[in-house]
N, C-alpha and C. Protein backbone atom coordinates (compact mmCIF):
# COMPACT_ATOMS: atom_id res chain seq x y z
N UNK A 1 0.80 -1.24 -0.03
CA UNK A 1 0.16 0.02 -0.07
C UNK A 1 0.89 1.23 -0.08
N UNK A 2 2.05 1.44 0.66
CA UNK A 2 2.73 2.46 0.94
C UNK A 2 3.51 2.60 -0.48
N UNK A 3 3.79 1.51 -1.09
CA UNK A 3 4.51 1.53 -2.36
C UNK A 3 3.42 2.41 -3.41
N UNK A 4 2.21 1.99 -3.54
CA UNK A 4 1.43 2.50 -4.48
C UNK A 4 1.10 3.90 -3.98
N UNK A 5 1.01 4.48 -2.87
CA UNK A 5 0.82 5.70 -2.41
C UNK A 5 2.15 6.61 -3.01
N UNK A 6 3.22 6.09 -2.86
CA UNK A 6 4.38 6.55 -3.27
C UNK A 6 4.57 6.82 -4.63
N UNK A 7 4.03 5.76 -5.43
CA UNK A 7 3.97 5.87 -6.95
C UNK A 7 3.12 7.16 -7.29
N UNK A 8 1.83 7.09 -6.71
CA UNK A 8 0.85 8.11 -7.28
C UNK A 8 1.43 9.35 -6.81
N UNK A 9 2.17 9.50 -5.69
CA UNK A 9 2.55 10.90 -5.21
C UNK A 9 3.70 11.37 -6.23
N UNK A 10 4.58 10.33 -6.61
CA UNK A 10 5.71 10.74 -7.60
C UNK A 10 4.94 11.02 -9.05
N UNK A 11 3.97 10.53 -9.32
CA UNK A 11 3.20 10.78 -10.62
C UNK A 11 2.78 12.15 -10.56
N UNK A 12 2.00 12.61 -9.44
CA UNK A 12 1.48 13.77 -9.22
C UNK A 12 2.48 14.82 -9.29
N UNK A 13 3.67 14.66 -8.71
CA UNK A 13 4.72 15.60 -8.74
C UNK A 13 5.05 16.01 -10.15
N UNK A 14 5.22 14.79 -10.87
CA UNK A 14 5.75 15.05 -12.40
C UNK A 14 4.87 15.62 -12.97
N UNK A 15 3.41 15.48 -12.93
CA UNK A 15 2.58 16.32 -13.70
C UNK A 15 2.55 17.67 -13.14
N UNK A 16 2.77 18.00 -11.86
CA UNK A 16 2.80 19.34 -11.30
C UNK A 16 4.01 20.16 -11.99
N UNK A 17 5.21 19.55 -12.13
CA UNK A 17 6.32 20.23 -12.57
C UNK A 17 6.53 20.39 -14.06
N UNK A 18 5.63 19.46 -14.88
CA UNK A 18 5.62 19.38 -16.15
C UNK A 18 4.56 20.34 -16.85
N UNK A 19 3.60 20.69 -16.04
CA UNK A 19 2.39 21.53 -16.34
C UNK A 19 2.85 22.82 -16.99
N UNK A 20 3.77 23.65 -16.46
CA UNK A 20 3.99 24.93 -16.95
C UNK A 20 4.64 24.85 -18.32
N UNK A 21 5.47 23.85 -18.67
CA UNK A 21 6.06 23.85 -20.03
C UNK A 21 5.02 23.47 -21.02
N UNK A 22 4.03 22.57 -20.79
CA UNK A 22 2.78 22.40 -21.68
C UNK A 22 1.87 23.69 -21.97
N UNK A 23 1.79 24.44 -21.03
CA UNK A 23 0.92 25.63 -20.95
C UNK A 23 1.61 26.59 -21.93
N UNK A 24 2.95 26.70 -22.33
CA UNK A 24 3.48 27.71 -22.91
C UNK A 24 2.78 27.72 -24.42
N UNK A 25 2.52 28.99 -25.09
CA UNK A 25 1.90 28.88 -26.23
C UNK A 25 3.06 29.01 -27.30
N UNK A 26 2.72 28.57 -28.57
CA UNK A 26 3.69 28.61 -29.71
C UNK A 26 3.76 29.96 -30.37
N UNK A 27 4.97 30.47 -30.38
CA UNK A 27 5.37 31.83 -30.88
C UNK A 27 5.75 31.63 -32.34
N UNK A 28 4.97 32.19 -33.21
CA UNK A 28 5.30 32.17 -34.63
C UNK A 28 6.83 32.84 -34.83
N UNK A 29 7.57 32.23 -35.92
CA UNK A 29 8.66 32.84 -36.25
C UNK A 29 8.41 33.95 -36.99
N UNK A 30 7.38 34.13 -37.58
CA UNK A 30 7.01 35.22 -38.89
C UNK A 30 5.95 35.68 -38.36
N UNK A 31 5.75 37.15 -38.54
CA UNK A 31 4.38 37.89 -38.19
C UNK A 31 3.72 38.03 -39.68
N UNK A 32 2.29 37.86 -39.62
CA UNK A 32 1.45 37.86 -40.92
C UNK A 32 1.66 39.07 -41.75
N UNK A 33 1.76 38.90 -42.93
CA UNK A 33 1.82 40.11 -43.72
C UNK A 33 0.57 40.39 -44.73
N UNK A 34 0.36 41.58 -45.25
CA UNK A 34 -0.65 41.87 -45.91
C UNK A 34 -0.26 42.43 -47.34
N UNK A 35 -1.14 42.69 -48.28
CA UNK A 35 -0.89 43.48 -49.43
C UNK A 35 -0.25 44.83 -49.14
N UNK A 36 0.81 45.03 -49.98
CA UNK A 36 1.62 46.21 -49.81
C UNK A 36 2.95 46.00 -48.86
N UNK A 37 2.77 44.98 -47.92
CA UNK A 37 4.15 44.62 -47.18
C UNK A 37 5.06 43.87 -47.95
N UNK A 38 6.31 44.06 -47.35
CA UNK A 38 7.43 43.22 -48.12
C UNK A 38 7.64 41.94 -47.15
N UNK A 39 7.82 40.90 -47.54
CA UNK A 39 8.13 39.58 -46.81
C UNK A 39 9.40 39.52 -46.34
N UNK A 40 9.81 38.82 -45.28
CA UNK A 40 11.11 38.67 -45.03
C UNK A 40 11.73 37.48 -46.06
N UNK A 41 13.06 37.56 -46.12
CA UNK A 41 13.55 36.40 -47.05
C UNK A 41 13.47 35.06 -46.35
N UNK A 42 12.40 34.47 -46.68
CA UNK A 42 12.32 33.16 -45.96
C UNK A 42 13.00 32.07 -46.79
N UNK A 43 13.75 31.11 -45.97
CA UNK A 43 14.44 30.01 -46.28
C UNK A 43 13.40 29.03 -46.59
N UNK A 44 13.38 28.32 -47.80
CA UNK A 44 12.36 27.18 -48.17
C UNK A 44 13.11 25.97 -48.05
N UNK A 45 12.79 24.91 -47.22
CA UNK A 45 13.23 23.65 -47.14
C UNK A 45 12.09 22.80 -47.76
N UNK A 46 12.75 21.61 -47.93
CA UNK A 46 11.83 20.55 -48.51
C UNK A 46 11.34 20.95 -49.75
N UNK A 47 12.07 21.47 -50.65
CA UNK A 47 11.72 21.99 -52.07
C UNK A 47 12.07 20.87 -52.98
N UNK A 48 11.13 20.54 -53.78
CA UNK A 48 11.24 19.50 -54.76
C UNK A 48 10.95 19.99 -56.07
N UNK A 49 11.39 19.27 -57.30
CA UNK A 49 11.20 19.66 -58.57
C UNK A 49 11.93 21.00 -58.87
N UNK A 50 13.06 21.22 -58.19
CA UNK A 50 13.86 22.46 -58.35
C UNK A 50 15.34 21.95 -58.17
N UNK A 51 16.43 22.70 -58.31
CA UNK A 51 17.73 22.25 -58.44
C UNK A 51 18.30 22.16 -57.19
N UNK A 52 17.61 22.69 -56.09
CA UNK A 52 18.08 22.66 -54.58
C UNK A 52 16.84 22.13 -53.81
N UNK A 53 17.34 21.53 -52.69
CA UNK A 53 16.11 21.15 -51.89
C UNK A 53 16.01 22.25 -50.68
N UNK A 54 16.92 23.13 -50.63
CA UNK A 54 16.93 24.27 -49.67
C UNK A 54 17.39 25.43 -50.45
N UNK A 55 16.51 26.50 -50.30
CA UNK A 55 16.75 27.83 -50.93
C UNK A 55 16.11 28.87 -50.41
N UNK A 56 16.41 30.11 -50.59
CA UNK A 56 15.91 31.24 -50.18
C UNK A 56 14.75 31.75 -51.13
N UNK A 57 13.71 32.27 -50.65
CA UNK A 57 12.79 32.88 -51.53
C UNK A 57 13.33 33.88 -52.45
N UNK A 58 14.16 34.52 -52.19
CA UNK A 58 14.96 35.61 -52.91
C UNK A 58 15.65 35.03 -54.13
N UNK A 59 15.97 33.79 -54.05
CA UNK A 59 16.73 33.04 -55.19
C UNK A 59 15.99 33.12 -56.38
N UNK A 60 14.76 33.07 -56.28
CA UNK A 60 13.91 33.03 -57.66
C UNK A 60 13.84 34.44 -58.04
N UNK A 61 14.44 34.63 -59.07
CA UNK A 61 14.76 35.89 -59.80
C UNK A 61 13.57 36.40 -60.94
N UNK A 62 12.41 35.77 -60.78
CA UNK A 62 11.39 36.22 -61.82
C UNK A 62 11.02 37.42 -61.53
N UNK A 63 10.26 38.27 -62.33
CA UNK A 63 9.54 39.65 -62.01
C UNK A 63 8.39 39.36 -61.31
N UNK A 64 7.79 38.27 -61.37
CA UNK A 64 6.55 37.93 -60.59
C UNK A 64 6.55 36.44 -60.00
N UNK A 65 6.31 36.30 -58.75
CA UNK A 65 6.43 35.11 -58.13
C UNK A 65 4.89 34.95 -57.64
N UNK A 66 4.40 33.76 -57.94
CA UNK A 66 3.05 33.24 -57.39
C UNK A 66 3.13 32.05 -56.52
N UNK A 67 2.94 32.32 -55.32
CA UNK A 67 2.85 31.17 -54.24
C UNK A 67 1.53 30.54 -54.32
N UNK A 68 1.45 29.28 -54.53
CA UNK A 68 0.15 28.46 -54.84
C UNK A 68 -0.19 27.67 -53.57
N UNK A 69 -0.76 27.93 -52.48
CA UNK A 69 -0.93 27.18 -51.36
C UNK A 69 -2.13 26.32 -51.70
N UNK A 70 -1.84 25.04 -51.50
CA UNK A 70 -2.70 24.10 -51.80
C UNK A 70 -2.69 22.91 -50.85
N UNK A 71 -3.73 21.84 -51.03
CA UNK A 71 -3.60 20.55 -50.14
C UNK A 71 -4.21 19.48 -50.99
N UNK A 72 -3.67 18.38 -50.61
CA UNK A 72 -4.22 17.10 -51.40
C UNK A 72 -5.73 16.94 -51.43
N UNK A 73 -6.32 17.24 -50.45
CA UNK A 73 -7.82 17.19 -50.21
C UNK A 73 -8.68 18.21 -51.12
N UNK A 74 -8.00 19.23 -51.50
CA UNK A 74 -8.60 20.28 -52.22
C UNK A 74 -8.71 20.12 -53.65
N UNK A 75 -9.88 19.85 -54.05
CA UNK A 75 -10.31 19.44 -55.28
C UNK A 75 -10.02 20.80 -56.28
N UNK A 76 -10.41 21.94 -55.70
CA UNK A 76 -10.29 23.27 -56.45
C UNK A 76 -8.71 23.46 -56.71
N UNK A 77 -8.06 23.13 -55.90
CA UNK A 77 -6.64 23.13 -56.17
C UNK A 77 -6.00 22.31 -57.10
N UNK A 78 -6.46 21.03 -57.10
CA UNK A 78 -6.02 20.08 -58.19
C UNK A 78 -6.56 20.54 -59.66
N UNK A 79 -7.87 21.16 -59.58
CA UNK A 79 -8.47 21.77 -60.94
C UNK A 79 -7.60 22.73 -61.55
N UNK A 80 -6.81 23.54 -60.85
CA UNK A 80 -5.97 24.55 -61.28
C UNK A 80 -4.62 24.07 -61.64
N UNK A 81 -4.18 22.83 -61.23
CA UNK A 81 -2.81 22.34 -61.49
C UNK A 81 -2.53 22.51 -63.02
N UNK A 82 -3.19 22.14 -63.88
CA UNK A 82 -3.08 22.13 -65.49
C UNK A 82 -2.74 23.64 -65.75
N UNK A 83 -3.71 24.63 -65.28
CA UNK A 83 -3.71 25.95 -65.59
C UNK A 83 -2.45 26.55 -65.18
N UNK A 84 -1.78 26.31 -63.99
CA UNK A 84 -0.52 26.92 -63.34
C UNK A 84 0.62 26.39 -64.18
N UNK A 85 0.49 24.97 -64.57
CA UNK A 85 1.51 24.36 -65.34
C UNK A 85 1.67 25.09 -66.80
N UNK A 86 0.40 25.30 -67.47
CA UNK A 86 0.38 26.08 -68.67
C UNK A 86 1.00 27.40 -68.63
N UNK A 87 0.57 28.28 -67.52
CA UNK A 87 1.05 29.49 -67.31
C UNK A 87 2.54 29.63 -67.05
N UNK A 88 2.95 28.59 -66.27
CA UNK A 88 4.51 28.60 -65.95
C UNK A 88 5.30 28.46 -67.28
N UNK A 89 4.91 27.45 -68.22
CA UNK A 89 5.50 27.36 -69.49
C UNK A 89 5.60 28.45 -70.44
N UNK A 90 4.33 29.14 -70.28
CA UNK A 90 4.05 30.35 -71.17
C UNK A 90 4.91 31.40 -70.88
N UNK A 91 5.19 31.51 -69.51
CA UNK A 91 5.99 32.84 -69.17
C UNK A 91 7.48 32.60 -68.85
N UNK A 92 7.78 31.33 -68.78
CA UNK A 92 9.23 30.98 -68.53
C UNK A 92 9.70 31.63 -67.24
N UNK A 93 10.87 32.33 -67.50
CA UNK A 93 11.62 32.98 -66.43
C UNK A 93 11.00 34.32 -65.88
N UNK A 94 9.97 34.85 -66.54
CA UNK A 94 9.29 36.04 -66.11
C UNK A 94 8.34 35.91 -65.11
N UNK A 95 7.71 34.69 -64.87
CA UNK A 95 6.92 34.38 -63.65
C UNK A 95 7.26 33.15 -63.22
N UNK A 96 7.29 32.96 -61.91
CA UNK A 96 7.55 31.72 -61.20
C UNK A 96 6.54 31.21 -60.31
N UNK A 97 5.83 30.26 -60.54
CA UNK A 97 4.92 29.66 -59.70
C UNK A 97 5.74 28.72 -58.64
N UNK A 98 5.26 28.67 -57.27
CA UNK A 98 5.80 27.73 -56.39
C UNK A 98 4.58 27.26 -55.60
N UNK A 99 4.39 25.84 -55.71
CA UNK A 99 3.40 25.26 -55.08
C UNK A 99 3.90 25.05 -53.32
N UNK A 100 2.95 25.46 -52.60
CA UNK A 100 3.17 25.34 -51.24
C UNK A 100 2.33 24.70 -50.28
N UNK A 101 2.54 23.59 -49.51
CA UNK A 101 1.83 22.93 -48.67
C UNK A 101 2.45 22.56 -47.43
N UNK A 102 1.61 22.53 -46.43
CA UNK A 102 2.21 22.20 -45.03
C UNK A 102 1.89 20.66 -44.70
N UNK A 103 1.63 19.95 -45.77
CA UNK A 103 1.49 18.41 -45.75
C UNK A 103 2.96 17.81 -45.94
N UNK A 104 3.06 16.74 -45.50
CA UNK A 104 4.44 15.88 -45.57
C UNK A 104 4.82 15.60 -46.73
N UNK A 105 6.14 15.42 -47.26
CA UNK A 105 6.80 14.99 -48.33
C UNK A 105 6.26 13.56 -48.54
N UNK A 106 5.99 12.78 -47.59
CA UNK A 106 5.54 11.20 -47.69
C UNK A 106 4.16 11.36 -48.20
N UNK A 107 3.40 12.42 -48.04
CA UNK A 107 1.83 12.35 -48.56
C UNK A 107 1.79 12.95 -49.98
N UNK A 108 2.83 14.01 -50.10
CA UNK A 108 2.82 14.81 -51.09
C UNK A 108 3.33 14.26 -52.56
N UNK A 109 4.50 13.71 -52.53
CA UNK A 109 5.38 13.30 -53.52
C UNK A 109 4.71 12.09 -54.39
N UNK A 110 4.13 11.18 -53.54
CA UNK A 110 3.39 10.07 -54.29
C UNK A 110 2.16 10.58 -55.18
N UNK A 111 1.47 11.51 -54.25
CA UNK A 111 0.25 12.13 -55.00
C UNK A 111 0.62 12.94 -56.32
N UNK A 112 1.87 13.60 -56.17
CA UNK A 112 2.10 14.36 -57.45
C UNK A 112 2.68 13.45 -58.57
N UNK A 113 3.12 12.51 -58.18
CA UNK A 113 3.73 11.68 -59.04
C UNK A 113 2.76 11.09 -59.93
N UNK A 114 1.27 10.57 -59.39
CA UNK A 114 0.28 10.25 -59.96
C UNK A 114 -0.35 11.42 -60.78
N UNK A 115 -0.34 12.42 -60.34
CA UNK A 115 -1.01 13.58 -61.13
C UNK A 115 0.09 13.89 -62.32
N UNK A 116 1.29 13.77 -62.20
CA UNK A 116 2.05 14.27 -63.32
C UNK A 116 2.85 13.03 -63.88
N UNK A 117 2.25 12.00 -64.00
CA UNK A 117 2.56 10.70 -64.61
C UNK A 117 3.11 10.81 -66.21
N UNK A 118 2.44 11.48 -66.82
CA UNK A 118 2.72 11.56 -68.26
C UNK A 118 3.71 12.64 -68.73
N UNK A 119 3.66 13.58 -67.83
CA UNK A 119 4.66 14.90 -68.15
C UNK A 119 5.17 15.38 -66.74
N UNK A 120 6.37 15.56 -66.62
CA UNK A 120 6.72 16.16 -65.31
C UNK A 120 6.33 17.62 -65.03
N UNK A 121 6.33 17.95 -63.89
CA UNK A 121 5.66 19.26 -63.54
C UNK A 121 7.11 20.34 -63.70
N UNK A 122 6.69 21.44 -64.22
CA UNK A 122 7.59 22.56 -64.34
C UNK A 122 7.68 23.50 -63.12
N UNK A 123 7.02 23.16 -62.24
CA UNK A 123 6.63 24.02 -60.89
C UNK A 123 7.41 23.44 -59.64
N UNK A 124 8.34 24.08 -58.93
CA UNK A 124 8.76 23.73 -57.81
C UNK A 124 7.71 23.62 -56.82
N UNK A 125 7.98 22.61 -55.78
CA UNK A 125 6.82 22.29 -54.74
C UNK A 125 7.76 22.37 -53.29
N UNK A 126 7.01 22.78 -52.52
CA UNK A 126 7.31 22.93 -51.08
C UNK A 126 6.53 22.19 -50.07
N UNK A 127 7.07 21.27 -49.52
CA UNK A 127 6.41 20.47 -48.63
C UNK A 127 6.65 20.89 -47.16
N UNK A 128 5.84 20.23 -46.28
CA UNK A 128 6.11 20.52 -44.71
C UNK A 128 6.44 21.83 -44.30
N UNK A 129 5.77 22.93 -44.93
CA UNK A 129 6.00 24.24 -44.90
C UNK A 129 5.32 24.74 -43.48
N UNK A 130 5.97 25.71 -43.07
CA UNK A 130 5.43 26.38 -41.67
C UNK A 130 5.75 27.88 -42.04
N UNK A 131 6.92 28.37 -42.49
CA UNK A 131 7.06 29.76 -42.51
C UNK A 131 6.20 30.59 -43.39
N UNK A 132 5.96 30.01 -44.62
CA UNK A 132 5.17 30.72 -45.50
C UNK A 132 3.43 30.86 -45.09
N UNK A 133 3.13 29.53 -44.41
CA UNK A 133 1.77 29.42 -43.81
C UNK A 133 1.75 30.51 -42.72
N UNK A 134 2.81 30.82 -41.80
CA UNK A 134 2.56 31.92 -40.77
C UNK A 134 2.59 33.36 -41.37
N UNK A 135 3.06 33.48 -42.60
CA UNK A 135 3.15 34.88 -43.20
C UNK A 135 1.66 35.00 -43.65
N UNK A 136 1.14 34.06 -44.42
CA UNK A 136 -0.11 34.13 -45.14
C UNK A 136 -1.48 33.57 -44.54
N UNK A 137 -1.21 32.68 -43.76
CA UNK A 137 -2.54 32.17 -43.05
C UNK A 137 -3.47 31.60 -44.01
N UNK A 138 -3.18 30.67 -44.98
CA UNK A 138 -4.15 30.36 -46.02
C UNK A 138 -5.34 29.44 -45.35
N UNK A 139 -6.34 30.11 -44.96
CA UNK A 139 -7.36 29.38 -44.73
C UNK A 139 -8.12 28.42 -45.63
N UNK A 140 -8.67 29.22 -46.75
CA UNK A 140 -9.44 28.83 -47.76
C UNK A 140 -8.59 28.56 -48.92
N UNK A 141 -8.58 27.40 -49.35
CA UNK A 141 -7.60 27.08 -50.39
C UNK A 141 -8.51 26.77 -51.74
N UNK A 142 -8.04 27.13 -52.86
CA UNK A 142 -6.55 27.54 -53.16
C UNK A 142 -6.44 28.92 -52.81
N UNK A 143 -5.23 29.45 -52.59
CA UNK A 143 -4.85 30.69 -52.03
C UNK A 143 -3.66 31.02 -52.82
N UNK A 144 -3.65 32.19 -53.54
CA UNK A 144 -2.48 32.52 -54.38
C UNK A 144 -2.06 33.86 -53.97
N UNK A 145 -0.78 33.79 -53.70
CA UNK A 145 0.04 35.11 -53.16
C UNK A 145 1.02 35.72 -54.25
N UNK A 146 0.71 36.84 -54.68
CA UNK A 146 1.53 37.35 -55.77
C UNK A 146 2.64 38.24 -55.23
N UNK A 147 3.84 38.09 -55.57
CA UNK A 147 4.91 38.97 -55.12
C UNK A 147 5.68 39.55 -56.12
N UNK A 148 6.19 40.71 -55.99
CA UNK A 148 6.87 41.19 -57.05
C UNK A 148 8.50 40.82 -56.81
N UNK A 149 9.34 41.14 -57.49
CA UNK A 149 10.59 40.66 -57.41
C UNK A 149 11.45 41.08 -56.22
N UNK A 150 10.84 42.01 -55.58
CA UNK A 150 11.47 42.54 -54.12
C UNK A 150 10.89 41.97 -53.08
N UNK A 151 9.82 41.27 -53.16
CA UNK A 151 9.23 40.44 -52.12
C UNK A 151 7.94 41.21 -51.68
N UNK A 152 7.63 42.26 -52.42
CA UNK A 152 6.35 42.87 -51.86
C UNK A 152 5.15 42.02 -52.24
N UNK A 153 4.12 42.08 -51.34
CA UNK A 153 3.00 41.30 -51.50
C UNK A 153 2.18 42.48 -52.51
N UNK A 154 1.81 41.92 -53.87
CA UNK A 154 0.94 42.74 -54.66
C UNK A 154 -0.46 42.27 -54.75
N UNK A 155 -0.76 40.96 -54.41
CA UNK A 155 -2.17 40.68 -54.44
C UNK A 155 -2.27 39.38 -53.76
N UNK A 156 -3.42 39.07 -53.08
CA UNK A 156 -3.60 37.52 -52.63
C UNK A 156 -5.10 37.44 -53.31
N UNK A 157 -5.14 36.16 -54.16
CA UNK A 157 -6.43 35.81 -54.89
C UNK A 157 -6.72 34.51 -54.85
N UNK A 158 -7.90 34.30 -55.57
CA UNK A 158 -8.23 32.91 -55.86
C UNK A 158 -7.69 32.45 -57.22
N UNK A 159 -8.27 31.30 -57.61
CA UNK A 159 -7.65 30.73 -58.93
C UNK A 159 -8.30 31.73 -59.99
N UNK A 160 -9.47 32.26 -59.74
CA UNK A 160 -10.14 32.95 -60.83
C UNK A 160 -9.32 34.15 -61.49
N UNK A 161 -8.45 34.64 -60.75
CA UNK A 161 -7.60 35.93 -61.20
C UNK A 161 -6.19 35.39 -61.84
N UNK A 162 -5.98 34.13 -61.95
CA UNK A 162 -4.85 33.47 -62.58
C UNK A 162 -5.13 33.43 -64.13
N UNK A 163 -4.93 34.65 -64.67
CA UNK A 163 -5.26 34.68 -66.21
C UNK A 163 -4.17 35.37 -66.68
N UNK A 164 -4.00 35.10 -68.12
CA UNK A 164 -2.89 35.69 -68.78
C UNK A 164 -3.12 37.17 -68.82
N UNK A 165 -4.23 37.73 -68.88
CA UNK A 165 -4.62 39.27 -68.78
C UNK A 165 -3.89 39.82 -67.60
N UNK A 166 -4.25 39.26 -66.43
CA UNK A 166 -3.61 39.70 -65.14
C UNK A 166 -2.20 39.58 -65.06
N UNK A 167 -1.73 38.61 -65.53
CA UNK A 167 -0.37 38.34 -65.65
C UNK A 167 0.36 39.41 -66.40
N UNK A 168 -0.19 39.62 -67.67
CA UNK A 168 0.33 40.61 -68.53
C UNK A 168 0.13 41.77 -67.99
N UNK A 169 -0.81 42.25 -67.46
CA UNK A 169 -0.94 43.72 -66.74
C UNK A 169 0.00 43.95 -65.67
N UNK A 170 0.54 42.93 -65.11
CA UNK A 170 1.62 43.34 -64.08
C UNK A 170 2.92 43.16 -64.81
N UNK A 171 3.06 42.58 -65.67
CA UNK A 171 4.36 42.51 -66.37
C UNK A 171 4.57 43.67 -67.27
N UNK A 172 3.61 44.07 -67.79
CA UNK A 172 3.80 45.28 -68.61
C UNK A 172 4.00 46.51 -67.81
N UNK A 173 3.29 46.85 -66.56
CA UNK A 173 3.49 48.14 -66.06
C UNK A 173 3.59 47.92 -64.39
N UNK A 174 4.07 46.80 -63.95
CA UNK A 174 4.36 46.49 -62.64
C UNK A 174 3.05 47.01 -61.49
N UNK A 175 1.78 46.79 -62.09
CA UNK A 175 0.75 46.88 -61.13
C UNK A 175 -0.44 45.78 -61.78
N UNK A 176 -1.26 45.70 -60.68
CA UNK A 176 -2.29 44.61 -60.91
C UNK A 176 -3.49 45.05 -61.50
N UNK A 177 -3.54 46.34 -61.76
CA UNK A 177 -4.87 47.16 -62.19
C UNK A 177 -6.08 46.83 -61.14
N UNK A 178 -7.03 46.53 -61.75
CA UNK A 178 -8.36 46.51 -60.78
C UNK A 178 -8.69 44.97 -60.32
N UNK A 179 -7.64 44.18 -60.38
CA UNK A 179 -7.74 42.68 -60.18
C UNK A 179 -8.46 42.60 -58.67
N UNK A 180 -9.43 41.77 -58.75
CA UNK A 180 -10.14 41.40 -57.23
C UNK A 180 -9.13 40.69 -56.46
N UNK A 181 -9.14 41.10 -54.97
CA UNK A 181 -8.17 40.28 -54.31
C UNK A 181 -9.03 39.55 -53.34
N UNK A 182 -8.43 38.43 -52.74
CA UNK A 182 -9.39 37.60 -51.96
C UNK A 182 -9.39 37.95 -50.55
N UNK A 183 -10.44 37.92 -49.77
CA UNK A 183 -10.60 38.17 -48.50
C UNK A 183 -10.52 36.98 -47.80
N UNK A 184 -9.31 36.35 -46.98
CA UNK A 184 -9.10 35.27 -46.21
C UNK A 184 -9.52 35.33 -44.81
N UNK A 185 -9.12 36.43 -44.04
CA UNK A 185 -9.55 36.57 -42.88
C UNK A 185 -8.76 37.98 -42.38
N UNK A 186 -9.21 38.52 -41.14
CA UNK A 186 -8.58 39.71 -40.58
C UNK A 186 -7.52 39.22 -39.73
N UNK A 187 -6.13 39.23 -40.07
CA UNK A 187 -5.13 38.71 -39.34
C UNK A 187 -4.51 39.88 -38.51
N UNK A 188 -5.05 40.97 -38.35
CA UNK A 188 -4.57 42.18 -37.73
C UNK A 188 -4.40 41.80 -36.24
N UNK A 189 -5.33 40.93 -35.74
CA UNK A 189 -5.11 40.54 -34.38
C UNK A 189 -4.26 39.61 -33.93
N UNK A 190 -3.54 38.94 -34.91
CA UNK A 190 -2.67 37.66 -34.72
C UNK A 190 -1.40 38.39 -34.44
């Protein structure tokens, strides 16, 4: 009986001393950004379909960078895969699409292999992402973030705005005109 009480007392002490560490909140490494802000130079890890598996976002030298936030379960995201592939091929080095997901490499790469079994993708893919998700909090997918070559956020859109006309508008005069931007959430309180 004494042994049982001693074990229970020790277990209670362990719980008591470990509780403060469990109650600590997660502090994000990056503060959310909005249209007009410049993003920090984020190091991308777990990059596939690219010459390096780790690179900085600033290493992409395109005039326009479009971050494509997606998930395997998002059928709307998948519906836009062909469109983004065609746009990437059409614009070459002027525009760089980057597919971004917080899902794991083990989930994503087999999925993409099935999707692109006839022709390899021309778009880099970032898996296991947390940095870009902290910056943009993409709740509703697909979620496209348009960046100029200095890292300034120029638009956040849905797939409907991924058009030749909108891309040409930006490439010809460095602005997006009257393109409709996506309302995701008010992240000013974060």
